[in-house]
Amino acid sequence: AVSLQVILSHPKAVFKRRGSQPGMQESDFLKQI
């Protein structure tokens, strides 16, 4: 789970399509925050 303040302070943190592999979306997202 992620604090709302973290989501708001990282406005560009999203789940990526390009370059993301199956099973890696969690890592790709969390690395941003």
PDB file of all heavy atoms in Angstrom:
ATOM      1  N   ALA A   1       0.864  -1.183   0.000  1.00  0.00           N
ATOM      2  CA  ALA A   1       0.000   0.000   0.000  1.00  0.00           C
ATOM      3  C   ALA A   1       0.897   1.229   0.000  1.00  0.00           C
ATOM      4  O   ALA A   1       2.037   1.191   0.465  1.00  0.00           O
ATOM      5  CB  ALA A   1      -0.930   0.012   1.215  1.00  0.00           C
ATOM      6  N   VAL A   2       0.362   2.337  -0.524  1.00  0.00           N
ATOM      7  CA  VAL A   2       1.146   3.561  -0.696  1.00  0.00           C
ATOM      8  C   VAL A   2       0.395   4.733  -0.075  1.00  0.00           C
ATOM      9  O   VAL A   2      -0.817   4.880  -0.273  1.00  0.00           O
ATOM     10  CB  VAL A   2       1.403   3.855  -2.191  1.00  0.00           C
ATOM     11  CG1 VAL A   2       2.327   5.066  -2.348  1.00  0.00           C
ATOM     12  CG2 VAL A   2       2.006   2.639  -2.889  1.00  0.00           C
ATOM     13  N   SER A   3       1.108   5.559   0.653  1.00  0.00           N
ATOM     14  CA  SER A   3       0.521   6.767   1.220  1.00  0.00           C
ATOM     15  C   SER A   3       0.018   7.674   0.097  1.00  0.00           C
ATOM     16  O   SER A   3       0.664   7.823  -0.958  1.00  0.00           O
ATOM     17  CB  SER A   3       1.559   7.511   2.057  1.00  0.00           C
ATOM     18  OG  SER A   3       1.174   8.851   2.278  1.00  0.00           O
ATOM     19  N   LEU A   4      -1.127   8.302   0.309  1.00  0.00           N
ATOM     20  CA  LEU A   4      -1.663   9.239  -0.675  1.00  0.00           C
ATOM     21  C   LEU A   4      -0.683  10.373  -0.935  1.00  0.00           C
ATOM     22  O   LEU A   4      -0.535  10.831  -2.077  1.00  0.00           O
ATOM     23  CB  LEU A   4      -3.003   9.794  -0.183  1.00  0.00           C
ATOM     24  CG  LEU A   4      -3.652  10.883  -1.039  1.00  0.00           C
ATOM     25  CD1 LEU A   4      -3.950  10.373  -2.448  1.00  0.00           C
ATOM     26  CD2 LEU A   4      -4.925  11.397  -0.376  1.00  0.00           C
ATOM     27  N   GLN A   5       0.002  10.831   0.106  1.00  0.00           N
ATOM     28  CA  GLN A   5       0.962  11.923  -0.085  1.00  0.00           C
ATOM     29  C   GLN A   5       2.097  11.524  -1.021  1.00  0.00           C
ATOM     30  O   GLN A   5       2.595  12.353  -1.789  1.00  0.00           O
ATOM     31  CB  GLN A   5       1.522  12.366   1.272  1.00  0.00           C
ATOM     32  CG  GLN A   5       0.564  13.199   2.092  1.00  0.00           C
ATOM     33  CD  GLN A   5       0.092  14.447   1.351  1.00  0.00           C
ATOM     34  OE1 GLN A   5       0.893  15.160   0.746  1.00  0.00           O
ATOM     35  NE2 GLN A   5      -1.199  14.696   1.365  1.00  0.00           N
ATOM     36  N   VAL A   6       2.506  10.266  -0.976  1.00  0.00           N
ATOM     37  CA  VAL A   6       3.546   9.789  -1.899  1.00  0.00           C
ATOM     38  C   VAL A   6       3.020   9.805  -3.336  1.00  0.00           C
ATOM     39  O   VAL A   6       3.725  10.213  -4.269  1.00  0.00           O
ATOM     40  CB  VAL A   6       4.014   8.379  -1.498  1.00  0.00           C
ATOM     41  CG1 VAL A   6       4.911   7.781  -2.574  1.00  0.00           C
ATOM     42  CG2 VAL A   6       4.745   8.422  -0.169  1.00  0.00           C
ATOM     43  N   ILE A   7       1.775   9.369  -3.525  1.00  0.00           N
ATOM     44  CA  ILE A   7       1.178   9.380  -4.869  1.00  0.00           C
ATOM     45  C   ILE A   7       1.099  10.802  -5.402  1.00  0.00           C
ATOM     46  O   ILE A   7       1.415  11.066  -6.575  1.00  0.00           O
ATOM     47  CB  ILE A   7      -0.222   8.742  -4.827  1.00  0.00           C
ATOM     48  CG1 ILE A   7      -0.127   7.255  -4.456  1.00  0.00           C
ATOM     49  CG2 ILE A   7      -0.941   8.917  -6.157  1.00  0.00           C
ATOM     50  CD1 ILE A   7       0.632   6.405  -5.445  1.00  0.00           C
ATOM     51  N   LEU A   8       0.699  11.742  -4.551  1.00  0.00           N
ATOM     52  CA  LEU A   8       0.552  13.127  -5.002  1.00  0.00           C
ATOM     53  C   LEU A   8       1.899  13.801  -5.243  1.00  0.00           C
ATOM     54  O   LEU A   8       2.016  14.676  -6.106  1.00  0.00           O
ATOM     55  CB  LEU A   8      -0.250  13.921  -3.973  1.00  0.00           C
ATOM     56  CG  LEU A   8      -1.680  13.440  -3.705  1.00  0.00           C
ATOM     57  CD1 LEU A   8      -2.360  14.303  -2.649  1.00  0.00           C
ATOM     58  CD2 LEU A   8      -2.504  13.411  -4.987  1.00  0.00           C
ATOM     59  N   SER A   9       2.919  13.411  -4.490  1.00  0.00           N
ATOM     60  CA  SER A   9       4.233  14.034  -4.644  1.00  0.00           C
ATOM     61  C   SER A   9       5.051  13.407  -5.771  1.00  0.00           C
ATOM     62  O   SER A   9       6.136  13.907  -6.085  1.00  0.00           O
ATOM     63  CB  SER A   9       5.014  13.951  -3.328  1.00  0.00           C
ATOM     64  OG  SER A   9       5.236  12.592  -2.956  1.00  0.00           O
ATOM     65  N   HIS A  10       4.544  12.342  -6.369  1.00  0.00           N
ATOM     66  CA  HIS A  10       5.191  11.725  -7.541  1.00  0.00           C
ATOM     67  C   HIS A  10       4.149  11.643  -8.668  1.00  0.00           C
ATOM     68  O   HIS A  10       3.669  10.564  -9.011  1.00  0.00           O
ATOM     69  CB  HIS A  10       5.717  10.331  -7.209  1.00  0.00           C
ATOM     70  CG  HIS A  10       6.835  10.321  -6.208  1.00  0.00           C
ATOM     71  ND1 HIS A  10       6.616  10.436  -4.853  1.00  0.00           N
ATOM     72  CD2 HIS A  10       8.187  10.210  -6.366  1.00  0.00           C
ATOM     73  CE1 HIS A  10       7.780  10.391  -4.219  1.00  0.00           C
ATOM     74  NE2 HIS A  10       8.739  10.250  -5.113  1.00  0.00           N
ATOM     75  N   PRO A  11       3.804  12.779  -9.262  1.00  0.00           N
ATOM     76  CA  PRO A  11       2.701  12.805 -10.235  1.00  0.00           C
ATOM     77  C   PRO A  11       2.953  12.010 -11.504  1.00  0.00           C
ATOM     78  O   PRO A  11       2.002  11.693 -12.218  1.00  0.00           O
ATOM     79  CB  PRO A  11       2.537  14.300 -10.537  1.00  0.00           C
ATOM     80  CG  PRO A  11       3.857  14.913 -10.190  1.00  0.00           C
ATOM     81  CD  PRO A  11       4.384  14.112  -9.041  1.00  0.00           C
ATOM     82  N   LYS A  12       4.199  11.683 -11.782  1.00  0.00           N
ATOM     83  CA  LYS A  12       4.505  10.929 -13.006  1.00  0.00           C
ATOM     84  C   LYS A  12       4.656   9.431 -12.764  1.00  0.00           C
ATOM     85  O   LYS A  12       4.941   8.679 -13.698  1.00  0.00           O
ATOM     86  CB  LYS A  12       5.779  11.480 -13.649  1.00  0.00           C
ATOM     87  CG  LYS A  12       5.637  12.911 -14.144  1.00  0.00           C
ATOM     88  CD  LYS A  12       6.884  13.385 -14.875  1.00  0.00           C
ATOM     89  CE  LYS A  12       6.707  14.807 -15.405  1.00  0.00           C
ATOM     90  NZ  LYS A  12       7.931  15.279 -16.117  1.00  0.00           N
ATOM     91  N   ALA A  13       4.472   8.999 -11.528  1.00  0.00           N
ATOM     92  CA  ALA A  13       4.598   7.567 -11.213  1.00  0.00           C
ATOM     93  C   ALA A  13       3.348   6.836 -11.692  1.00  0.00           C
ATOM     94  O   ALA A  13       2.258   7.032 -11.161  1.00  0.00           O
ATOM     95  CB  ALA A  13       4.791   7.375  -9.721  1.00  0.00           C
ATOM     96  N   VAL A  14       3.513   5.991 -12.706  1.00  0.00           N
ATOM     97  CA  VAL A  14       2.403   5.222 -13.269  1.00  0.00           C
ATOM     98  C   VAL A  14       2.913   3.829 -13.612  1.00  0.00           C
ATOM     99  O   VAL A  14       4.111   3.542 -13.550  1.00  0.00           O
ATOM    100  CB  VAL A  14       1.819   5.888 -14.538  1.00  0.00           C
ATOM    101  CG1 VAL A  14       1.189   7.232 -14.213  1.00  0.00           C
ATOM    102  CG2 VAL A  14       2.896   6.034 -15.620  1.00  0.00           C
ATOM    103  N   PHE A  15       1.974   2.960 -13.993  1.00  0.00           N
ATOM    104  CA  PHE A  15       2.346   1.634 -14.488  1.00  0.00           C
ATOM    105  C   PHE A  15       2.691   1.748 -15.965  1.00  0.00           C
ATOM    106  O   PHE A  15       1.933   2.328 -16.747  1.00  0.00           O
ATOM    107  CB  PHE A  15       1.201   0.649 -14.262  1.00  0.00           C
ATOM    108  CG  PHE A  15       0.981   0.332 -12.820  1.00  0.00           C
ATOM    109  CD1 PHE A  15       0.061   1.045 -12.063  1.00  0.00           C
ATOM    110  CD2 PHE A  15       1.715  -0.672 -12.194  1.00  0.00           C
ATOM    111  CE1 PHE A  15      -0.129   0.771 -10.721  1.00  0.00           C
ATOM    112  CE2 PHE A  15       1.536  -0.950 -10.851  1.00  0.00           C
ATOM    113  CZ  PHE A  15       0.619  -0.229 -10.114  1.00  0.00           C
ATOM    114  N   LYS A  16       3.816   1.184 -16.337  1.00  0.00           N
ATOM    115  CA  LYS A  16       4.341   1.373 -17.683  1.00  0.00           C
ATOM    116  C   LYS A  16       3.988   0.201 -18.595  1.00  0.00           C
ATOM    117  O   LYS A  16       3.945  -0.944 -18.164  1.00  0.00           O
ATOM    118  CB  LYS A  16       5.859   1.552 -17.625  1.00  0.00           C
ATOM    119  CG  LYS A  16       6.306   2.772 -16.827  1.00  0.00           C
ATOM    120  CD  LYS A  16       7.816   2.861 -16.765  1.00  0.00           C
ATOM    121  CE  LYS A  16       8.272   4.086 -15.974  1.00  0.00           C
ATOM    122  NZ  LYS A  16       9.743   4.176 -15.893  1.00  0.00           N
ATOM    123  N   ARG A  17       3.749   0.530 -19.837  1.00  0.00           N
ATOM    124  CA  ARG A  17       3.569  -0.492 -20.874  1.00  0.00           C
ATOM    125  C   ARG A  17       4.894  -0.752 -21.580  1.00  0.00           C
ATOM    126  O   ARG A  17       5.347  -1.888 -21.674  1.00  0.00           O
ATOM    127  CB  ARG A  17       2.535  -0.017 -21.901  1.00  0.00           C
ATOM    128  CG  ARG A  17       1.100  -0.295 -21.522  1.00  0.00           C
ATOM    129  CD  ARG A  17       0.791  -1.763 -21.629  1.00  0.00           C
ATOM    130  NE  ARG A  17      -0.604  -2.056 -21.358  1.00  0.00           N
ATOM    131  CZ  ARG A  17      -1.067  -3.262 -21.131  1.00  0.00           C
ATOM    132  NH1 ARG A  17      -0.239  -4.292 -21.087  1.00  0.00           N
ATOM    133  NH2 ARG A  17      -2.345  -3.479 -20.919  1.00  0.00           N
ATOM    134  N   ARG A  18       5.493   0.288 -22.072  1.00  0.00           N
ATOM    135  CA  ARG A  18       6.719   0.143 -22.865  1.00  0.00           C
ATOM    136  C   ARG A  18       7.873  -0.321 -21.989  1.00  0.00           C
ATOM    137  O   ARG A  18       8.219   0.304 -20.988  1.00  0.00           O
ATOM    138  CB  ARG A  18       7.057   1.473 -23.531  1.00  0.00           C
ATOM    139  CG  ARG A  18       8.252   1.400 -24.485  1.00  0.00           C
ATOM    140  CD  ARG A  18       8.334   2.657 -25.320  1.00  0.00           C
ATOM    141  NE  ARG A  18       7.149   2.821 -26.174  1.00  0.00           N
ATOM    142  CZ  ARG A  18       6.948   3.867 -26.971  1.00  0.00           C
ATOM    143  NH1 ARG A  18       7.843   4.839 -27.022  1.00  0.00           N
ATOM    144  NH2 ARG A  18       5.860   3.943 -27.703  1.00  0.00           N
ATOM    145  N   GLY A  19       8.444  -1.455 -22.351  1.00  0.00           N
ATOM    146  CA  GLY A  19       9.597  -1.973 -21.632  1.00  0.00           C
ATOM    147  C   GLY A  19       9.283  -2.781 -20.399  1.00  0.00           C
ATOM    148  O   GLY A  19      10.190  -3.324 -19.773  1.00  0.00           O
ATOM    149  N   SER A  20       8.001  -2.870 -20.019  1.00  0.00           N
ATOM    150  CA  SER A  20       7.648  -3.618 -18.815  1.00  0.00           C
ATOM    151  C   SER A  20       7.322  -5.063 -19.175  1.00  0.00           C
ATOM    152  O   SER A  20       6.587  -5.331 -20.117  1.00  0.00           O
ATOM    153  CB  SER A  20       6.447  -2.976 -18.129  1.00  0.00           C
ATOM    154  OG  SER A  20       6.173  -3.627 -16.907  1.00  0.00           O
ATOM    155  N   GLN A  21       7.867  -5.978 -18.414  1.00  0.00           N
ATOM    156  CA  GLN A  21       7.642  -7.406 -18.649  1.00  0.00           C
ATOM    157  C   GLN A  21       6.563  -7.930 -17.703  1.00  0.00           C
ATOM    158  O   GLN A  21       6.308  -7.343 -16.651  1.00  0.00           O
ATOM    159  CB  GLN A  21       8.943  -8.183 -18.413  1.00  0.00           C
ATOM    160  CG  GLN A  21      10.115  -7.710 -19.248  1.00  0.00           C
ATOM    161  CD  GLN A  21      11.399  -8.386 -18.820  1.00  0.00           C
ATOM    162  OE1 GLN A  21      11.395  -9.441 -18.200  1.00  0.00           O
ATOM    163  NE2 GLN A  21      12.523  -7.762 -19.142  1.00  0.00           N
ATOM    164  N   PRO A  22       5.917  -9.063 -18.066  1.00  0.00           N
ATOM    165  CA  PRO A  22       4.942  -9.672 -17.145  1.00  0.00           C
ATOM    166  C   PRO A  22       5.591  -9.964 -15.793  1.00  0.00           C
ATOM    167  O   PRO A  22       6.716 -10.464 -15.719  1.00  0.00           O
ATOM    168  CB  PRO A  22       4.551 -10.966 -17.865  1.00  0.00           C
ATOM    169  CG  PRO A  22       4.815 -10.699 -19.303  1.00  0.00           C
ATOM    170  CD  PRO A  22       6.017  -9.794 -19.348  1.00  0.00           C
ATOM    171  N   GLY A  23       4.887  -9.619 -14.732  1.00  0.00           N
ATOM    172  CA  GLY A  23       5.401  -9.846 -13.394  1.00  0.00           C
ATOM    173  C   GLY A  23       6.333  -8.769 -12.889  1.00  0.00           C
ATOM    174  O   GLY A  23       6.790  -8.822 -11.732  1.00  0.00           O
ATOM    175  N   MET A  24       6.628  -7.767 -13.729  1.00  0.00           N
ATOM    176  CA  MET A  24       7.557  -6.713 -13.333  1.00  0.00           C
ATOM    177  C   MET A  24       6.873  -5.382 -13.080  1.00  0.00           C
ATOM    178  O   MET A  24       7.532  -4.409 -12.721  1.00  0.00           O
ATOM    179  CB  MET A  24       8.632  -6.535 -14.415  1.00  0.00           C
ATOM    180  CG  MET A  24       9.548  -7.720 -14.577  1.00  0.00           C
ATOM    181  SD  MET A  24      10.584  -8.011 -13.116  1.00  0.00           S
ATOM    182  CE  MET A  24      11.674  -6.596 -13.196  1.00  0.00           C
ATOM    183  N   GLN A  25       5.555  -5.310 -13.256  1.00  0.00           N
ATOM    184  CA  GLN A  25       4.892  -4.018 -13.122  1.00  0.00           C
ATOM    185  C   GLN A  25       4.960  -3.472 -11.695  1.00  0.00           C
ATOM    186  O   GLN A  25       5.069  -2.264 -11.502  1.00  0.00           O
ATOM    187  CB  GLN A  25       3.446  -4.125 -13.593  1.00  0.00           C
ATOM    188  CG  GLN A  25       3.321  -4.218 -15.108  1.00  0.00           C
ATOM    189  CD  GLN A  25       2.068  -3.542 -15.614  1.00  0.00           C
ATOM    190  OE1 GLN A  25       1.003  -3.712 -15.065  1.00  0.00           O
ATOM    191  NE2 GLN A  25       2.210  -2.769 -16.667  1.00  0.00           N
ATOM    192  N   GLU A  26       4.877  -4.363 -10.710  1.00  0.00           N
ATOM    193  CA  GLU A  26       5.002  -3.902  -9.333  1.00  0.00           C
ATOM    194  C   GLU A  26       6.362  -3.232  -9.115  1.00  0.00           C
ATOM    195  O   GLU A  26       6.435  -2.142  -8.536  1.00  0.00           O
ATOM    196  CB  GLU A  26       4.829  -5.063  -8.354  1.00  0.00           C
ATOM    197  CG  GLU A  26       3.447  -5.700  -8.372  1.00  0.00           C
ATOM    198  CD  GLU A  26       3.302  -6.830  -9.384  1.00  0.00           C
ATOM    199  OE1 GLU A  26       4.167  -6.931 -10.282  1.00  0.00           O
ATOM    200  OE2 GLU A  26       2.333  -7.594  -9.281  1.00  0.00           O
ATOM    201  N   SER A  27       7.420  -3.896  -9.572  1.00  0.00           N
ATOM    202  CA  SER A  27       8.766  -3.339  -9.410  1.00  0.00           C
ATOM    203  C   SER A  27       8.922  -2.034 -10.178  1.00  0.00           C
ATOM    204  O   SER A  27       9.484  -1.051  -9.673  1.00  0.00           O
ATOM    205  CB  SER A  27       9.815  -4.348  -9.883  1.00  0.00           C
ATOM    206  OG  SER A  27       9.926  -5.427  -8.973  1.00  0.00           O
ATOM    207  N   ASP A  28       8.428  -2.015 -11.422  1.00  0.00           N
ATOM    208  CA  ASP A  28       8.557  -0.805 -12.231  1.00  0.00           C
ATOM    209  C   ASP A  28       7.843   0.380 -11.586  1.00  0.00           C
ATOM    210  O   ASP A  28       8.303   1.521 -11.674  1.00  0.00           O
ATOM    211  CB  ASP A  28       7.993  -1.056 -13.631  1.00  0.00           C
ATOM    212  CG  ASP A  28       8.846  -2.028 -14.432  1.00  0.00           C
ATOM    213  OD1 ASP A  28      10.016  -2.237 -14.052  1.00  0.00           O
ATOM    214  OD2 ASP A  28       8.353  -2.582 -15.427  1.00  0.00           O
ATOM    215  N   PHE A  29       6.716   0.123 -10.932  1.00  0.00           N
ATOM    216  CA  PHE A  29       5.979   1.199 -10.271  1.00  0.00           C
ATOM    217  C   PHE A  29       6.665   1.628  -8.977  1.00  0.00           C
ATOM    218  O   PHE A  29       6.895   2.824  -8.747  1.00  0.00           O
ATOM    219  CB  PHE A  29       4.549   0.743  -9.983  1.00  0.00           C
ATOM    220  CG  PHE A  29       3.718   1.769  -9.271  1.00  0.00           C
ATOM    221  CD1 PHE A  29       3.263   2.892  -9.924  1.00  0.00           C
ATOM    222  CD2 PHE A  29       3.395   1.605  -7.927  1.00  0.00           C
ATOM    223  CE1 PHE A  29       2.496   3.849  -9.261  1.00  0.00           C
ATOM    224  CE2 PHE A  29       2.631   2.549  -7.255  1.00  0.00           C
ATOM    225  CZ  PHE A  29       2.192   3.672  -7.930  1.00  0.00           C
ATOM    226  N   LEU A  30       7.013   0.662  -8.136  1.00  0.00           N
ATOM    227  CA  LEU A  30       7.586   0.998  -6.832  1.00  0.00           C
ATOM    228  C   LEU A  30       8.955   1.667  -6.955  1.00  0.00           C
ATOM    229  O   LEU A  30       9.310   2.501  -6.118  1.00  0.00           O
ATOM    230  CB  LEU A  30       7.676  -0.259  -5.975  1.00  0.00           C
ATOM    231  CG  LEU A  30       6.331  -0.814  -5.489  1.00  0.00           C
ATOM    232  CD1 LEU A  30       6.498  -2.177  -4.836  1.00  0.00           C
ATOM    233  CD2 LEU A  30       5.657   0.161  -4.517  1.00  0.00           C
ATOM    234  N   LYS A  31       9.730   1.326  -7.996  1.00  0.00           N
ATOM    235  CA  LYS A  31      11.035   1.975  -8.184  1.00  0.00           C
ATOM    236  C   LYS A  31      10.900   3.482  -8.352  1.00  0.00           C
ATOM    237  O   LYS A  31      11.851   4.225  -8.079  1.00  0.00           O
ATOM    238  CB  LYS A  31      11.737   1.389  -9.418  1.00  0.00           C
ATOM    239  CG  LYS A  31      12.390   0.045  -9.185  1.00  0.00           C
ATOM    240  CD  LYS A  31      13.319  -0.338 -10.329  1.00  0.00           C
ATOM    241  CE  LYS A  31      12.580  -0.414 -11.651  1.00  0.00           C
ATOM    242  NZ  LYS A  31      13.479  -0.870 -12.756  1.00  0.00           N
ATOM    243  N   GLN A  32       9.742   3.936  -8.807  1.00  0.00           N
ATOM    244  CA  GLN A  32       9.526   5.359  -9.048  1.00  0.00           C
ATOM    245  C   GLN A  32       9.229   6.142  -7.768  1.00  0.00           C
ATOM    246  O   GLN A  32       9.307   7.367  -7.763  1.00  0.00           O
ATOM    247  CB  GLN A  32       8.371   5.559 -10.024  1.00  0.00           C
ATOM    248  CG  GLN A  32       8.584   4.908 -11.380  1.00  0.00           C
ATOM    249  CD  GLN A  32       7.329   4.979 -12.236  1.00  0.00           C
ATOM    250  OE1 GLN A  32       6.908   6.049 -12.671  1.00  0.00           O
ATOM    251  NE2 GLN A  32       6.706   3.826 -12.483  1.00  0.00           N
ATOM    252  N   ILE A  33       8.881   5.431  -6.683  1.00  0.00           N
ATOM    253  CA  ILE A  33       8.408   6.148  -5.496  1.00  0.00           C
ATOM    254  C   ILE A  33       9.124   5.778  -4.211  1.00  0.00           C
ATOM    255  O   ILE A  33       8.972   6.484  -3.214  1.00  0.00           O
ATOM    256  CB  ILE A  33       6.891   5.930  -5.298  1.00  0.00           C
ATOM    257  CG1 ILE A  33       6.571   4.445  -5.099  1.00  0.00           C
ATOM    258  CG2 ILE A  33       6.092   6.511  -6.453  1.00  0.00           C
ATOM    259  CD1 ILE A  33       5.105   4.173  -4.772  1.00  0.00           C
TER     260      ILE A  33
END
